Amino acid sequence: MKLVLAAPLLATALLARCKAPDGCTSMATRCAGNVAQICNADGSWQVLADCDAVSNNSGSAFTCAYVNDEDAAGYTCAPADSDAGNAHGGVL
C-alpha cells in the first residue's frame, strides 16, 4: 500500500527534474519581477533572492537591481533607496 502512495510522488519528482534547460549562461543573473535569479550550471534560472521576502525579513524596502561593486557585478536585492541602477534592462 505504501508503494502505491509513494509512486505518484516519485513520478512527480522525476518529471520536475526533467525540465528542459532555459539556455542561459552559467552564473548570469537577472531580475524576474522583484526576484533576483542566477543561471545554474545546467543552464536553468533559479531563485537567488526574493526581494519581497528580504524586505519582509529586514523591515526595509529592497528591490531587484543591478549592483556593480569592486568584487562582483550582477543583479541582486539592493535597498530601494540605494543608488544601484538597473542599467541592463533586467538581464545581465
N, C-alpha and C. Protein backbone atom coordinates (compact mmCIF):
# COMPACT_ATOMS: atom_id res chain seq x y z
N MET A 1 0.82 -1.19 0.00
CA MET A 1 0.00 0.00 0.00
C MET A 1 0.87 1.25 0.00
N LYS A 2 1.97 1.24 0.78
CA LYS A 2 2.85 2.40 0.82
C LYS A 2 3.48 2.66 -0.54
N LEU A 3 3.80 1.60 -1.28
CA LEU A 3 4.38 1.75 -2.60
C LEU A 3 3.40 2.44 -3.54
N VAL A 4 2.14 2.09 -3.44
CA VAL A 4 1.11 2.70 -4.28
C VAL A 4 1.02 4.20 -4.00
N LEU A 5 1.17 4.60 -2.74
CA LEU A 5 1.10 6.01 -2.38
C LEU A 5 2.38 6.75 -2.76
N ALA A 6 3.51 6.08 -2.70
CA ALA A 6 4.79 6.72 -2.98
C ALA A 6 5.04 6.86 -4.48
N ALA A 7 4.48 6.00 -5.31
CA ALA A 7 4.75 6.02 -6.75
C ALA A 7 4.38 7.35 -7.41
N PRO A 8 3.19 7.94 -7.14
CA PRO A 8 2.89 9.23 -7.78
C PRO A 8 3.84 10.34 -7.33
N LEU A 9 4.26 10.31 -6.07
CA LEU A 9 5.18 11.33 -5.59
C LEU A 9 6.53 11.20 -6.27
N LEU A 10 7.00 9.99 -6.44
CA LEU A 10 8.27 9.75 -7.11
C LEU A 10 8.20 10.17 -8.57
N ALA A 11 7.10 9.84 -9.24
CA ALA A 11 6.93 10.21 -10.64
C ALA A 11 6.92 11.73 -10.80
N THR A 12 6.25 12.43 -9.91
CA THR A 12 6.20 13.89 -9.96
C THR A 12 7.59 14.48 -9.77
N ALA A 13 8.34 13.96 -8.83
CA ALA A 13 9.69 14.45 -8.57
C ALA A 13 10.59 14.23 -9.78
N LEU A 14 10.49 13.08 -10.41
CA LEU A 14 11.32 12.78 -11.58
C LEU A 14 10.96 13.68 -12.76
N LEU A 15 9.68 13.92 -12.98
CA LEU A 15 9.26 14.79 -14.08
C LEU A 15 9.71 16.22 -13.86
N ALA A 16 9.69 16.68 -12.63
CA ALA A 16 10.14 18.03 -12.32
C ALA A 16 11.62 18.18 -12.63
N ARG A 17 12.41 17.14 -12.45
CA ARG A 17 13.85 17.19 -12.73
C ARG A 17 14.13 17.12 -14.24
N CYS A 18 13.14 16.75 -15.04
CA CYS A 18 13.35 16.59 -16.48
C CYS A 18 13.06 17.87 -17.25
N LYS A 19 12.91 19.00 -16.59
CA LYS A 19 12.63 20.27 -17.23
C LYS A 19 13.79 20.63 -18.16
N ALA A 20 13.46 21.07 -19.35
CA ALA A 20 14.49 21.46 -20.30
C ALA A 20 15.22 22.71 -19.81
N PRO A 21 16.52 22.81 -20.07
CA PRO A 21 17.26 24.00 -19.65
C PRO A 21 16.74 25.25 -20.35
N ASP A 22 16.92 26.39 -19.70
CA ASP A 22 16.48 27.66 -20.26
C ASP A 22 17.46 28.19 -21.30
N GLY A 23 18.68 27.67 -21.31
CA GLY A 23 19.69 28.10 -22.26
C GLY A 23 20.46 29.34 -21.82
N CYS A 24 20.40 29.67 -20.55
CA CYS A 24 21.14 30.83 -20.04
C CYS A 24 22.59 30.44 -19.78
N THR A 25 23.43 31.45 -19.64
CA THR A 25 24.85 31.25 -19.38
C THR A 25 25.08 31.09 -17.88
N SER A 26 25.79 30.05 -17.50
CA SER A 26 26.06 29.77 -16.10
C SER A 26 26.61 31.01 -15.39
N MET A 27 26.06 31.29 -14.21
CA MET A 27 26.43 32.40 -13.33
C MET A 27 25.89 33.75 -13.79
N ALA A 28 25.15 33.81 -14.90
CA ALA A 28 24.50 35.07 -15.30
C ALA A 28 23.39 35.36 -14.30
N THR A 29 23.04 36.61 -14.13
CA THR A 29 21.97 36.99 -13.22
C THR A 29 20.96 37.85 -13.96
N ARG A 30 19.75 37.91 -13.40
CA ARG A 30 18.70 38.75 -13.96
C ARG A 30 17.64 39.00 -12.90
N CYS A 31 16.77 39.95 -13.19
CA CYS A 31 15.60 40.19 -12.35
C CYS A 31 14.38 39.62 -13.07
N ALA A 32 13.56 38.92 -12.34
CA ALA A 32 12.26 38.45 -12.83
C ALA A 32 11.24 39.02 -11.86
N GLY A 33 10.70 40.18 -12.20
CA GLY A 33 9.88 40.90 -11.24
C GLY A 33 10.79 41.41 -10.13
N ASN A 34 10.44 41.13 -8.90
CA ASN A 34 11.27 41.55 -7.77
C ASN A 34 12.04 40.37 -7.18
N VAL A 35 12.39 39.44 -8.05
CA VAL A 35 13.16 38.25 -7.67
C VAL A 35 14.47 38.24 -8.46
N ALA A 36 15.59 38.16 -7.75
CA ALA A 36 16.89 38.03 -8.40
C ALA A 36 17.09 36.55 -8.72
N GLN A 37 17.49 36.27 -9.95
CA GLN A 37 17.73 34.90 -10.37
C GLN A 37 19.16 34.75 -10.85
N ILE A 38 19.67 33.51 -10.74
CA ILE A 38 21.01 33.18 -11.22
C ILE A 38 20.90 31.92 -12.09
N CYS A 39 21.70 31.87 -13.12
CA CYS A 39 21.70 30.72 -14.01
C CYS A 39 22.62 29.65 -13.43
N ASN A 40 22.10 28.45 -13.25
CA ASN A 40 22.91 27.38 -12.68
C ASN A 40 23.75 26.70 -13.77
N ALA A 41 24.56 25.75 -13.38
CA ALA A 41 25.46 25.07 -14.30
C ALA A 41 24.73 24.27 -15.37
N ASP A 42 23.45 23.94 -15.13
CA ASP A 42 22.65 23.20 -16.11
C ASP A 42 21.99 24.12 -17.13
N GLY A 43 22.19 25.45 -17.00
CA GLY A 43 21.60 26.39 -17.94
C GLY A 43 20.16 26.74 -17.64
N SER A 44 19.77 26.64 -16.37
CA SER A 44 18.40 26.97 -15.97
C SER A 44 18.42 28.07 -14.91
N TRP A 45 17.43 28.96 -14.97
CA TRP A 45 17.32 30.02 -13.98
C TRP A 45 16.80 29.47 -12.67
N GLN A 46 17.38 29.92 -11.57
CA GLN A 46 16.90 29.55 -10.24
C GLN A 46 16.91 30.81 -9.37
N VAL A 47 16.10 30.79 -8.32
CA VAL A 47 15.99 31.94 -7.44
C VAL A 47 17.29 32.15 -6.67
N LEU A 48 17.80 33.35 -6.74
CA LEU A 48 18.95 33.75 -5.94
C LEU A 48 18.44 34.42 -4.66
N ALA A 49 17.47 35.34 -4.81
CA ALA A 49 16.88 36.01 -3.65
C ALA A 49 15.54 36.61 -4.04
N ASP A 50 14.54 36.42 -3.19
CA ASP A 50 13.23 37.04 -3.36
C ASP A 50 13.27 38.36 -2.59
N CYS A 51 13.31 39.47 -3.31
CA CYS A 51 13.50 40.77 -2.68
C CYS A 51 12.30 41.18 -1.81
N ASP A 52 11.10 40.69 -2.11
CA ASP A 52 9.96 40.94 -1.23
C ASP A 52 10.16 40.24 0.11
N ALA A 53 10.68 39.01 0.08
CA ALA A 53 10.95 38.28 1.33
C ALA A 53 12.08 38.97 2.10
N VAL A 54 13.10 39.44 1.40
CA VAL A 54 14.19 40.17 2.06
C VAL A 54 13.62 41.41 2.74
N SER A 55 12.73 42.13 2.05
CA SER A 55 12.10 43.32 2.63
C SER A 55 11.31 42.96 3.89
N ASN A 56 10.52 41.91 3.82
CA ASN A 56 9.71 41.49 4.97
C ASN A 56 10.58 41.09 6.15
N ASN A 57 11.68 40.39 5.88
CA ASN A 57 12.56 39.92 6.96
C ASN A 57 13.42 41.03 7.56
N SER A 58 13.73 42.05 6.76
CA SER A 58 14.63 43.09 7.24
C SER A 58 13.91 44.31 7.80
N GLY A 59 12.66 44.48 7.39
CA GLY A 59 11.93 45.68 7.80
C GLY A 59 12.27 46.90 6.96
N SER A 60 13.06 46.72 5.91
CA SER A 60 13.41 47.80 4.98
C SER A 60 13.03 47.37 3.57
N ALA A 61 12.78 48.33 2.71
CA ALA A 61 12.40 48.02 1.33
C ALA A 61 13.62 47.63 0.50
N PHE A 62 13.52 46.50 -0.18
CA PHE A 62 14.56 46.04 -1.11
C PHE A 62 13.93 45.83 -2.47
N THR A 63 14.71 46.04 -3.50
CA THR A 63 14.26 45.82 -4.87
C THR A 63 15.36 45.11 -5.65
N CYS A 64 14.97 44.38 -6.67
CA CYS A 64 15.95 43.71 -7.52
C CYS A 64 16.59 44.77 -8.41
N ALA A 65 17.90 44.84 -8.38
CA ALA A 65 18.63 45.86 -9.13
C ALA A 65 20.02 45.37 -9.51
N TYR A 66 20.59 46.01 -10.51
CA TYR A 66 21.95 45.73 -10.92
C TYR A 66 22.90 46.42 -9.95
N VAL A 67 23.85 45.67 -9.41
CA VAL A 67 24.83 46.21 -8.47
C VAL A 67 26.21 45.93 -9.04
N ASN A 68 27.07 46.95 -9.04
CA ASN A 68 28.42 46.80 -9.54
C ASN A 68 29.39 47.23 -8.45
N ASP A 69 29.94 46.25 -7.75
CA ASP A 69 30.93 46.50 -6.70
C ASP A 69 32.32 46.17 -7.24
N GLU A 70 33.34 46.45 -6.44
CA GLU A 70 34.72 46.14 -6.84
C GLU A 70 34.90 44.65 -7.09
N ASP A 71 34.28 43.81 -6.26
CA ASP A 71 34.50 42.37 -6.33
C ASP A 71 33.56 41.63 -7.28
N ALA A 72 32.38 42.18 -7.52
CA ALA A 72 31.41 41.47 -8.33
C ALA A 72 30.36 42.43 -8.88
N ALA A 73 29.70 41.99 -9.94
CA ALA A 73 28.62 42.77 -10.53
C ALA A 73 27.51 41.80 -10.92
N GLY A 74 26.28 42.25 -10.80
CA GLY A 74 25.15 41.43 -11.20
C GLY A 74 23.88 41.91 -10.54
N TYR A 75 22.80 41.19 -10.79
CA TYR A 75 21.50 41.53 -10.22
C TYR A 75 21.32 40.85 -8.88
N THR A 76 20.83 41.61 -7.92
CA THR A 76 20.60 41.10 -6.58
C THR A 76 19.59 42.02 -5.89
N CYS A 77 19.26 41.71 -4.66
CA CYS A 77 18.38 42.58 -3.87
C CYS A 77 19.22 43.70 -3.28
N ALA A 78 18.80 44.92 -3.52
CA ALA A 78 19.50 46.09 -3.01
C ALA A 78 18.48 46.97 -2.28
N PRO A 79 18.93 47.72 -1.29
CA PRO A 79 18.00 48.64 -0.62
C PRO A 79 17.34 49.55 -1.65
N ALA A 80 16.04 49.74 -1.53
CA ALA A 80 15.29 50.52 -2.51
C ALA A 80 15.76 51.96 -2.59
N ASP A 81 16.33 52.48 -1.53
CA ASP A 81 16.80 53.86 -1.54
C ASP A 81 18.27 53.99 -1.92
N SER A 82 18.90 52.89 -2.40
CA SER A 82 20.31 52.94 -2.79
C SER A 82 20.42 53.50 -4.21
N ASP A 83 21.64 53.74 -4.64
CA ASP A 83 21.86 54.24 -5.99
C ASP A 83 22.15 53.13 -6.98
N ALA A 84 21.84 51.88 -6.62
CA ALA A 84 22.03 50.76 -7.55
C ALA A 84 21.14 50.97 -8.75
N GLY A 85 21.71 50.83 -9.93
CA GLY A 85 20.94 51.08 -11.15
C GLY A 85 20.58 49.80 -11.85
N ASN A 86 19.52 49.83 -12.62
CA ASN A 86 19.10 48.70 -13.42
C ASN A 86 19.47 48.99 -14.87
N ALA A 87 20.76 49.19 -15.09
CA ALA A 87 21.26 49.70 -16.36
C ALA A 87 21.13 48.72 -17.51
N HIS A 88 20.91 47.44 -17.24
CA HIS A 88 20.90 46.46 -18.32
C HIS A 88 19.51 45.92 -18.62
N GLY A 89 18.47 46.58 -18.16
CA GLY A 89 17.12 46.21 -18.54
C GLY A 89 16.65 44.88 -17.99
N GLY A 90 17.21 44.39 -16.93
CA GLY A 90 16.69 43.19 -16.30
C GLY A 90 17.46 41.92 -16.58
N VAL A 91 18.40 41.94 -17.51
CA VAL A 91 19.17 40.73 -17.79
C VAL A 91 20.63 41.10 -17.91
N LEU A 92 21.47 40.34 -17.23
CA LEU A 92 22.92 40.56 -17.29
C LEU A 92 23.53 39.46 -18.11
